[in-house]
Amino acid sequence: PGPKGAAAADLAVILALTVWDYFIHNPFCGLAFTCHCKLAWTWAEGWADCNVHNATGPRCPWCMCKNFFDGWGCVLVNDILVLSL
């Protein structure tokens, strides 16, 4: 494949990751970690009921990623989970 094929492949990956992040991230998080994240119109609405907001008890490791490495923990967690699929 030439440059046009590579650009199309790059665009497909970007589109797939955007769809993942927007539509699948929160429901998958809720399913994987039983944390009450859900599908919603915005990411903020999707994690509004997540147990990461609780004062005590178990907290969702995926939603807590913003607390690690100055927020870069989310990039690491998201990339690893996407690659593992």
PDB file of N, CA and C in Angstrom:
ATOM      1  N   PRO A   1       0.829  -1.201   0.000  1.00  0.00           N
ATOM      2  CA  PRO A   1       0.000   0.000   0.000  1.00  0.00           C
ATOM      3  C   PRO A   1       0.866   1.254   0.000  1.00  0.00           C
ATOM      4  N   GLY A   2       0.429   2.197  -0.762  1.00  0.00           N
ATOM      5  CA  GLY A   2       1.149   3.454  -0.871  1.00  0.00           C
ATOM      6  C   GLY A   2       0.759   4.411   0.231  1.00  0.00           C
ATOM      7  N   PRO A   3       1.126   5.680   0.047  1.00  0.00           N
ATOM      8  CA  PRO A   3       0.810   6.695   1.059  1.00  0.00           C
ATOM      9  C   PRO A   3      -0.684   6.858   1.299  1.00  0.00           C
ATOM     10  N   LYS A   4      -1.496   6.689   0.250  1.00  0.00           N
ATOM     11  CA  LYS A   4      -2.946   6.825   0.438  1.00  0.00           C
ATOM     12  C   LYS A   4      -3.489   5.690   1.298  1.00  0.00           C
ATOM     13  N   GLY A   5      -2.946   4.506   1.115  1.00  0.00           N
ATOM     14  CA  GLY A   5      -3.367   3.364   1.932  1.00  0.00           C
ATOM     15  C   GLY A   5      -2.978   3.541   3.385  1.00  0.00           C
ATOM     16  N   ALA A   6      -1.779   4.076   3.604  1.00  0.00           N
ATOM     17  CA  ALA A   6      -1.318   4.311   4.971  1.00  0.00           C
ATOM     18  C   ALA A   6      -2.162   5.386   5.646  1.00  0.00           C
ATOM     19  N   ALA A   7      -2.508   6.430   4.892  1.00  0.00           N
ATOM     20  CA  ALA A   7      -3.348   7.494   5.455  1.00  0.00           C
ATOM     21  C   ALA A   7      -4.735   6.964   5.787  1.00  0.00           C
ATOM     22  N   ALA A   8      -5.267   6.104   4.934  1.00  0.00           N
ATOM     23  CA  ALA A   8      -6.583   5.513   5.189  1.00  0.00           C
ATOM     24  C   ALA A   8      -6.530   4.616   6.430  1.00  0.00           C
ATOM     25  N   ALA A   9      -5.443   3.873   6.579  1.00  0.00           N
ATOM     26  CA  ALA A   9      -5.296   3.009   7.763  1.00  0.00           C
ATOM     27  C   ALA A   9      -5.189   3.854   9.029  1.00  0.00           C
ATOM     28  N   ASP A  10      -4.426   4.938   8.956  1.00  0.00           N
ATOM     29  CA  ASP A  10      -4.311   5.842  10.105  1.00  0.00           C
ATOM     30  C   ASP A  10      -5.659   6.433  10.468  1.00  0.00           C
ATOM     31  N   LEU A  11      -6.411   6.852   9.475  1.00  0.00           N
ATOM     32  CA  LEU A  11      -7.736   7.421   9.712  1.00  0.00           C
ATOM     33  C   LEU A  11      -8.675   6.393  10.328  1.00  0.00           C
ATOM     34  N   ALA A  12      -8.574   5.147   9.872  1.00  0.00           N
ATOM     35  CA  ALA A  12      -9.415   4.083  10.430  1.00  0.00           C
ATOM     36  C   ALA A  12      -9.082   3.842  11.905  1.00  0.00           C
ATOM     37  N   VAL A  13      -7.809   3.875  12.242  1.00  0.00           N
ATOM     38  CA  VAL A  13      -7.396   3.680  13.644  1.00  0.00           C
ATOM     39  C   VAL A  13      -7.897   4.832  14.503  1.00  0.00           C
ATOM     40  N   ILE A  14      -7.739   6.054  14.008  1.00  0.00           N
ATOM     41  CA  ILE A  14      -8.210   7.225  14.763  1.00  0.00           C
ATOM     42  C   ILE A  14      -9.716   7.160  14.959  1.00  0.00           C
ATOM     43  N   LEU A  15     -10.445   6.796  13.921  1.00  0.00           N
ATOM     44  CA  LEU A  15     -11.904   6.672  14.028  1.00  0.00           C
ATOM     45  C   LEU A  15     -12.289   5.587  15.027  1.00  0.00           C
ATOM     46  N   ALA A  16     -11.615   4.437  14.956  1.00  0.00           N
ATOM     47  CA  ALA A  16     -11.916   3.339  15.885  1.00  0.00           C
ATOM     48  C   ALA A  16     -11.651   3.750  17.334  1.00  0.00           C
ATOM     49  N   LEU A  17     -10.544   4.445  17.580  1.00  0.00           N
ATOM     50  CA  LEU A  17     -10.232   4.880  18.941  1.00  0.00           C
ATOM     51  C   LEU A  17     -11.209   5.947  19.431  1.00  0.00           C
ATOM     52  N   THR A  18     -11.665   6.801  18.521  1.00  0.00           N
ATOM     53  CA  THR A  18     -12.661   7.810  18.896  1.00  0.00           C
ATOM     54  C   THR A  18     -13.975   7.135  19.268  1.00  0.00           C
ATOM     55  N   VAL A  19     -14.395   6.172  18.455  1.00  0.00           N
ATOM     56  CA  VAL A  19     -15.627   5.424  18.765  1.00  0.00           C
ATOM     57  C   VAL A  19     -15.469   4.699  20.092  1.00  0.00           C
ATOM     58  N   TRP A  20     -14.304   4.064  20.285  1.00  0.00           N
ATOM     59  CA  TRP A  20     -14.044   3.372  21.551  1.00  0.00           C
ATOM     60  C   TRP A  20     -14.178   4.326  22.721  1.00  0.00           C
ATOM     61  N   ASP A  21     -13.489   5.451  22.642  1.00  0.00           N
ATOM     62  CA  ASP A  21     -13.468   6.395  23.746  1.00  0.00           C
ATOM     63  C   ASP A  21     -14.843   6.987  24.013  1.00  0.00           C
ATOM     64  N   TYR A  22     -15.595   7.277  22.963  1.00  0.00           N
ATOM     65  CA  TYR A  22     -16.870   7.966  23.162  1.00  0.00           C
ATOM     66  C   TYR A  22     -18.004   7.020  23.522  1.00  0.00           C
ATOM     67  N   PHE A  23     -18.086   5.868  22.853  1.00  0.00           N
ATOM     68  CA  PHE A  23     -19.254   5.000  23.032  1.00  0.00           C
ATOM     69  C   PHE A  23     -19.001   3.776  23.900  1.00  0.00           C
ATOM     70  N   ILE A  24     -17.786   3.281  23.948  1.00  0.00           N
ATOM     71  CA  ILE A  24     -17.544   1.993  24.601  1.00  0.00           C
ATOM     72  C   ILE A  24     -16.787   2.132  25.918  1.00  0.00           C
ATOM     73  N   HIS A  25     -16.013   3.201  26.075  1.00  0.00           N
ATOM     74  CA  HIS A  25     -15.157   3.359  27.261  1.00  0.00           C
ATOM     75  C   HIS A  25     -15.924   3.179  28.568  1.00  0.00           C
ATOM     76  N   ASN A  26     -16.940   3.998  28.796  1.00  0.00           N
ATOM     77  CA  ASN A  26     -17.653   3.944  30.075  1.00  0.00           C
ATOM     78  C   ASN A  26     -18.423   2.648  30.278  1.00  0.00           C
ATOM     79  N   PRO A  27     -19.186   2.139  29.288  1.00  0.00           N
ATOM     80  CA  PRO A  27     -19.855   0.855  29.523  1.00  0.00           C
ATOM     81  C   PRO A  27     -18.868  -0.284  29.782  1.00  0.00           C
ATOM     82  N   PHE A  28     -17.751  -0.289  29.053  1.00  0.00           N
ATOM     83  CA  PHE A  28     -16.748  -1.330  29.278  1.00  0.00           C
ATOM     84  C   PHE A  28     -16.139  -1.208  30.663  1.00  0.00           C
ATOM     85  N   CYS A  29     -15.865   0.023  31.069  1.00  0.00           N
ATOM     86  CA  CYS A  29     -15.320   0.270  32.406  1.00  0.00           C
ATOM     87  C   CYS A  29     -16.288  -0.262  33.468  1.00  0.00           C
ATOM     88  N   GLY A  30     -17.569   0.064  33.324  1.00  0.00           N
ATOM     89  CA  GLY A  30     -18.576  -0.403  34.274  1.00  0.00           C
ATOM     90  C   GLY A  30     -18.662  -1.916  34.327  1.00  0.00           C
ATOM     91  N   LEU A  31     -18.535  -2.546  33.159  1.00  0.00           N
ATOM     92  CA  LEU A  31     -18.588  -4.000  33.093  1.00  0.00           C
ATOM     93  C   LEU A  31     -17.330  -4.630  33.687  1.00  0.00           C
ATOM     94  N   ALA A  32     -16.173  -4.092  33.335  1.00  0.00           N
ATOM     95  CA  ALA A  32     -14.909  -4.681  33.779  1.00  0.00           C
ATOM     96  C   ALA A  32     -14.659  -4.493  35.269  1.00  0.00           C
ATOM     97  N   PHE A  33     -15.024  -3.339  35.790  1.00  0.00           N
ATOM     98  CA  PHE A  33     -14.682  -3.024  37.177  1.00  0.00           C
ATOM     99  C   PHE A  33     -15.887  -2.906  38.100  1.00  0.00           C
ATOM    100  N   THR A  34     -17.093  -3.153  37.598  1.00  0.00           N
ATOM    101  CA  THR A  34     -18.331  -3.063  38.372  1.00  0.00           C
ATOM    102  C   THR A  34     -18.372  -1.758  39.158  1.00  0.00           C
ATOM    103  N   CYS A  35     -18.126  -0.661  38.464  1.00  0.00           N
ATOM    104  CA  CYS A  35     -17.992   0.622  39.146  1.00  0.00           C
ATOM    105  C   CYS A  35     -19.160   1.573  38.876  1.00  0.00           C
ATOM    106  N   HIS A  36     -20.116   1.154  38.085  1.00  0.00           N
ATOM    107  CA  HIS A  36     -21.322   1.917  37.757  1.00  0.00           C
ATOM    108  C   HIS A  36     -21.120   2.971  36.673  1.00  0.00           C
ATOM    109  N   CYS A  37     -20.016   2.925  35.938  1.00  0.00           N
ATOM    110  CA  CYS A  37     -19.900   3.770  34.754  1.00  0.00           C
ATOM    111  C   CYS A  37     -20.884   3.244  33.715  1.00  0.00           C
ATOM    112  N   LYS A  38     -21.408   4.126  32.892  1.00  0.00           N
ATOM    113  CA  LYS A  38     -22.441   3.709  31.939  1.00  0.00           C
ATOM    114  C   LYS A  38     -22.372   4.551  30.667  1.00  0.00           C
ATOM    115  N   LEU A  39     -23.080   4.108  29.649  1.00  0.00           N
ATOM    116  CA  LEU A  39     -23.175   4.853  28.399  1.00  0.00           C
ATOM    117  C   LEU A  39     -24.025   6.093  28.621  1.00  0.00           C
ATOM    118  N   ALA A  40     -23.542   7.225  28.145  1.00  0.00           N
ATOM    119  CA  ALA A  40     -24.268   8.490  28.283  1.00  0.00           C
ATOM    120  C   ALA A  40     -23.862   9.399  27.132  1.00  0.00           C
ATOM    121  N   TRP A  41     -24.521  10.531  27.009  1.00  0.00           N
ATOM    122  CA  TRP A  41     -24.224  11.464  25.928  1.00  0.00           C
ATOM    123  C   TRP A  41     -22.851  12.093  26.079  1.00  0.00           C
ATOM    124  N   THR A  42     -22.403  12.294  27.301  1.00  0.00           N
ATOM    125  CA  THR A  42     -21.069  12.843  27.516  1.00  0.00           C
ATOM    126  C   THR A  42     -20.291  11.929  28.441  1.00  0.00           C
ATOM    127  N   TRP A  43     -18.964  12.040  28.379  1.00  0.00           N
ATOM    128  CA  TRP A  43     -18.118  11.227  29.228  1.00  0.00           C
ATOM    129  C   TRP A  43     -18.380  11.557  30.692  1.00  0.00           C
ATOM    130  N   ALA A  44     -18.590  12.836  30.990  1.00  0.00           N
ATOM    131  CA  ALA A  44     -18.817  13.255  32.376  1.00  0.00           C
ATOM    132  C   ALA A  44     -20.094  12.643  32.942  1.00  0.00           C
ATOM    133  N   GLU A  45     -21.137  12.567  32.134  1.00  0.00           N
ATOM    134  CA  GLU A  45     -22.378  11.930  32.598  1.00  0.00           C
ATOM    135  C   GLU A  45     -22.170  10.438  32.797  1.00  0.00           C
ATOM    136  N   GLY A  46     -21.361   9.822  31.958  1.00  0.00           N
ATOM    137  CA  GLY A  46     -21.132   8.380  32.016  1.00  0.00           C
ATOM    138  C   GLY A  46     -20.432   7.932  33.278  1.00  0.00           C
ATOM    139  N   TRP A  47     -19.617   8.793  33.841  1.00  0.00           N
ATOM    140  CA  TRP A  47     -18.914   8.375  35.048  1.00  0.00           C
ATOM    141  C   TRP A  47     -19.460   9.061  36.301  1.00  0.00           C
ATOM    142  N   ALA A  48     -20.585   9.735  36.193  1.00  0.00           N
ATOM    143  CA  ALA A  48     -21.177  10.449  37.331  1.00  0.00           C
ATOM    144  C   ALA A  48     -21.515   9.515  38.500  1.00  0.00           C
ATOM    145  N   ASP A  49     -21.908   8.274  38.202  1.00  0.00           N
ATOM    146  CA  ASP A  49     -22.265   7.323  39.255  1.00  0.00           C
ATOM    147  C   ASP A  49     -21.119   6.376  39.612  1.00  0.00           C
ATOM    148  N   CYS A  50     -19.952   6.609  39.060  1.00  0.00           N
ATOM    149  CA  CYS A  50     -18.816   5.723  39.303  1.00  0.00           C
ATOM    150  C   CYS A  50     -18.407   5.770  40.778  1.00  0.00           C
ATOM    151  N   ASN A  51     -17.948   4.615  41.270  1.00  0.00           N
ATOM    152  CA  ASN A  51     -17.534   4.545  42.674  1.00  0.00           C
ATOM    153  C   ASN A  51     -16.236   5.299  42.942  1.00  0.00           C
ATOM    154  N   VAL A  52     -15.604   5.856  41.916  1.00  0.00           N
ATOM    155  CA  VAL A  52     -14.399   6.659  42.132  1.00  0.00           C
ATOM    156  C   VAL A  52     -14.725   7.921  42.928  1.00  0.00           C
ATOM    157  N   HIS A  53     -15.986   8.324  42.913  1.00  0.00           N
ATOM    158  CA  HIS A  53     -16.408   9.522  43.638  1.00  0.00           C
ATOM    159  C   HIS A  53     -16.751   9.243  45.099  1.00  0.00           C
ATOM    160  N   ASN A  54     -16.806   7.985  45.500  1.00  0.00           N
ATOM    161  CA  ASN A  54     -17.121   7.638  46.887  1.00  0.00           C
ATOM    162  C   ASN A  54     -15.980   8.032  47.819  1.00  0.00           C
ATOM    163  N   ALA A  55     -16.331   8.405  49.028  1.00  0.00           N
ATOM    164  CA  ALA A  55     -15.314   8.796  50.004  1.00  0.00           C
ATOM    165  C   ALA A  55     -14.491   7.602  50.470  1.00  0.00           C
ATOM    166  N   THR A  56     -15.112   6.431  50.565  1.00  0.00           N
ATOM    167  CA  THR A  56     -14.413   5.232  51.023  1.00  0.00           C
ATOM    168  C   THR A  56     -14.796   4.063  50.139  1.00  0.00           C
ATOM    169  N   GLY A  57     -14.145   2.950  50.410  1.00  0.00           N
ATOM    170  CA  GLY A  57     -14.482   1.731  49.694  1.00  0.00           C
ATOM    171  C   GLY A  57     -13.684   1.549  48.428  1.00  0.00           C
ATOM    172  N   PRO A  58     -13.998   0.512  47.686  1.00  0.00           N
ATOM    173  CA  PRO A  58     -13.244   0.284  46.448  1.00  0.00           C
ATOM    174  C   PRO A  58     -13.512   1.398  45.445  1.00  0.00           C
ATOM    175  N   ARG A  59     -12.483   1.744  44.708  1.00  0.00           N
ATOM    176  CA  ARG A  59     -12.615   2.772  43.673  1.00  0.00           C
ATOM    177  C   ARG A  59     -12.107   2.206  42.352  1.00  0.00           C
ATOM    178  N   CYS A  60     -12.753   2.612  41.314  1.00  0.00           N
ATOM    179  CA  CYS A  60     -12.425   2.136  39.973  1.00  0.00           C
ATOM    180  C   CYS A  60     -10.986   2.512  39.607  1.00  0.00           C
ATOM    181  N   PRO A  61     -10.150   1.526  39.283  1.00  0.00           N
ATOM    182  CA  PRO A  61      -8.760   1.846  38.938  1.00  0.00           C
ATOM    183  C   PRO A  61      -8.641   2.604  37.620  1.00  0.00           C
ATOM    184  N   TRP A  62      -9.541   2.361  36.703  1.00  0.00           N
ATOM    185  CA  TRP A  62      -9.476   3.043  35.404  1.00  0.00           C
ATOM    186  C   TRP A  62      -9.822   4.522  35.563  1.00  0.00           C
ATOM    187  N   CYS A  63     -10.848   4.808  36.351  1.00  0.00           N
ATOM    188  CA  CYS A  63     -11.261   6.196  36.545  1.00  0.00           C
ATOM    189  C   CYS A  63     -10.309   6.976  37.448  1.00  0.00           C
ATOM    190  N   MET A  64      -9.505   6.273  38.247  1.00  0.00           N
ATOM    191  CA  MET A  64      -8.546   6.950  39.119  1.00  0.00           C
ATOM    192  C   MET A  64      -7.247   7.288  38.400  1.00  0.00           C
ATOM    193  N   CYS A  65      -7.129   6.914  37.135  1.00  0.00           N
ATOM    194  CA  CYS A  65      -5.850   7.082  36.429  1.00  0.00           C
ATOM    195  C   CYS A  65      -5.396   8.535  36.370  1.00  0.00           C
ATOM    196  N   LYS A  66      -6.331   9.489  36.441  1.00  0.00           N
ATOM    197  CA  LYS A  66      -5.939  10.904  36.369  1.00  0.00           C
ATOM    198  C   LYS A  66      -5.102  11.331  37.564  1.00  0.00           C
ATOM    199  N   ASN A  67      -5.098  10.522  38.617  1.00  0.00           N
ATOM    200  CA  ASN A  67      -4.332  10.854  39.819  1.00  0.00           C
ATOM    201  C   ASN A  67      -2.868  10.411  39.742  1.00  0.00           C
ATOM    202  N   PHE A  68      -2.501   9.705  38.669  1.00  0.00           N
ATOM    203  CA  PHE A  68      -1.157   9.152  38.569  1.00  0.00           C
ATOM    204  C   PHE A  68      -0.379   9.810  37.434  1.00  0.00           C
ATOM    205  N   PHE A  69       0.875  10.091  37.663  1.00  0.00           N
ATOM    206  CA  PHE A  69       1.787  10.650  36.654  1.00  0.00           C
ATOM    207  C   PHE A  69       1.233  11.940  36.042  1.00  0.00           C
ATOM    208  N   ASP A  70       0.679  12.804  36.865  1.00  0.00           N
ATOM    209  CA  ASP A  70       0.123  14.084  36.410  1.00  0.00           C
ATOM    210  C   ASP A  70      -0.899  13.912  35.291  1.00  0.00           C
ATOM    211  N   GLY A  71      -1.696  12.876  35.366  1.00  0.00           N
ATOM    212  CA  GLY A  71      -2.734  12.646  34.368  1.00  0.00           C
ATOM    213  C   GLY A  71      -2.297  11.731  33.238  1.00  0.00           C
ATOM    214  N   TRP A  72      -0.998  11.518  33.074  1.00  0.00           N
ATOM    215  CA  TRP A  72      -0.513  10.643  32.015  1.00  0.00           C
ATOM    216  C   TRP A  72      -0.852   9.181  32.292  1.00  0.00           C
ATOM    217  N   GLY A  73      -1.245   8.879  33.514  1.00  0.00           N
ATOM    218  CA  GLY A  73      -1.658   7.514  33.830  1.00  0.00           C
ATOM    219  C   GLY A  73      -2.845   7.078  32.986  1.00  0.00           C
ATOM    220  N   CYS A  74      -3.726   8.008  32.639  1.00  0.00           N
ATOM    221  CA  CYS A  74      -4.886   7.682  31.801  1.00  0.00           C
ATOM    222  C   CYS A  74      -4.450   7.244  30.410  1.00  0.00           C
ATOM    223  N   VAL A  75      -3.458   7.906  29.881  1.00  0.00           N
ATOM    224  CA  VAL A  75      -2.955   7.529  28.558  1.00  0.00           C
ATOM    225  C   VAL A  75      -2.414   6.108  28.611  1.00  0.00           C
ATOM    226  N   LEU A  76      -1.650   5.812  29.645  1.00  0.00           N
ATOM    227  CA  LEU A  76      -1.087   4.467  29.780  1.00  0.00           C
ATOM    228  C   LEU A  76      -2.177   3.416  29.949  1.00  0.00           C
ATOM    229  N   VAL A  77      -3.131   3.671  30.817  1.00  0.00           N
ATOM    230  CA  VAL A  77      -4.206   2.719  31.068  1.00  0.00           C
ATOM    231  C   VAL A  77      -5.050   2.510  29.815  1.00  0.00           C
ATOM    232  N   ASN A  78      -5.458   3.585  29.171  1.00  0.00           N
ATOM    233  CA  ASN A  78      -6.288   3.463  27.961  1.00  0.00           C
ATOM    234  C   ASN A  78      -5.547   2.740  26.856  1.00  0.00           C
ATOM    235  N   ASP A  79      -4.293   3.080  26.628  1.00  0.00           N
ATOM    236  CA  ASP A  79      -3.530   2.434  25.568  1.00  0.00           C
ATOM    237  C   ASP A  79      -3.355   0.959  25.840  1.00  0.00           C
ATOM    238  N   ILE A  80      -3.032   0.608  27.044  1.00  0.00           N
ATOM    239  CA  ILE A  80      -2.831  -0.806  27.374  1.00  0.00           C
ATOM    240  C   ILE A  80      -4.127  -1.594  27.213  1.00  0.00           C
ATOM    241  N   LEU A  81      -5.242  -1.035  27.678  1.00  0.00           N
ATOM    242  CA  LEU A  81      -6.509  -1.750  27.543  1.00  0.00           C
ATOM    243  C   LEU A  81      -6.935  -1.877  26.083  1.00  0.00           C
ATOM    244  N   VAL A  82      -6.761  -0.841  25.293  1.00  0.00           N
ATOM    245  CA  VAL A  82      -7.116  -0.919  23.872  1.00  0.00           C
ATOM    246  C   VAL A  82      -6.241  -1.928  23.169  1.00  0.00           C
ATOM    247  N   LEU A  83      -4.950  -1.928  23.441  1.00  0.00           N
ATOM    248  CA  LEU A  83      -4.042  -2.881  22.802  1.00  0.00           C
ATOM    249  C   LEU A  83      -4.327  -4.307  23.228  1.00  0.00           C
ATOM    250  N   SER A  84      -4.813  -4.502  24.444  1.00  0.00           N
ATOM    251  CA  SER A  84      -5.083  -5.858  24.921  1.00  0.00           C
ATOM    252  C   SER A  84      -6.334  -6.464  24.298  1.00  0.00           C
ATOM    253  N   LEU A  85      -7.190  -5.624  23.750  1.00  0.00           N
ATOM    254  CA  LEU A  85      -8.394  -6.141  23.107  1.00  0.00           C
ATOM    255  C   LEU A  85      -8.011  -6.759  21.788  1.00  0.00           C
TER     256      LEU A  85
END
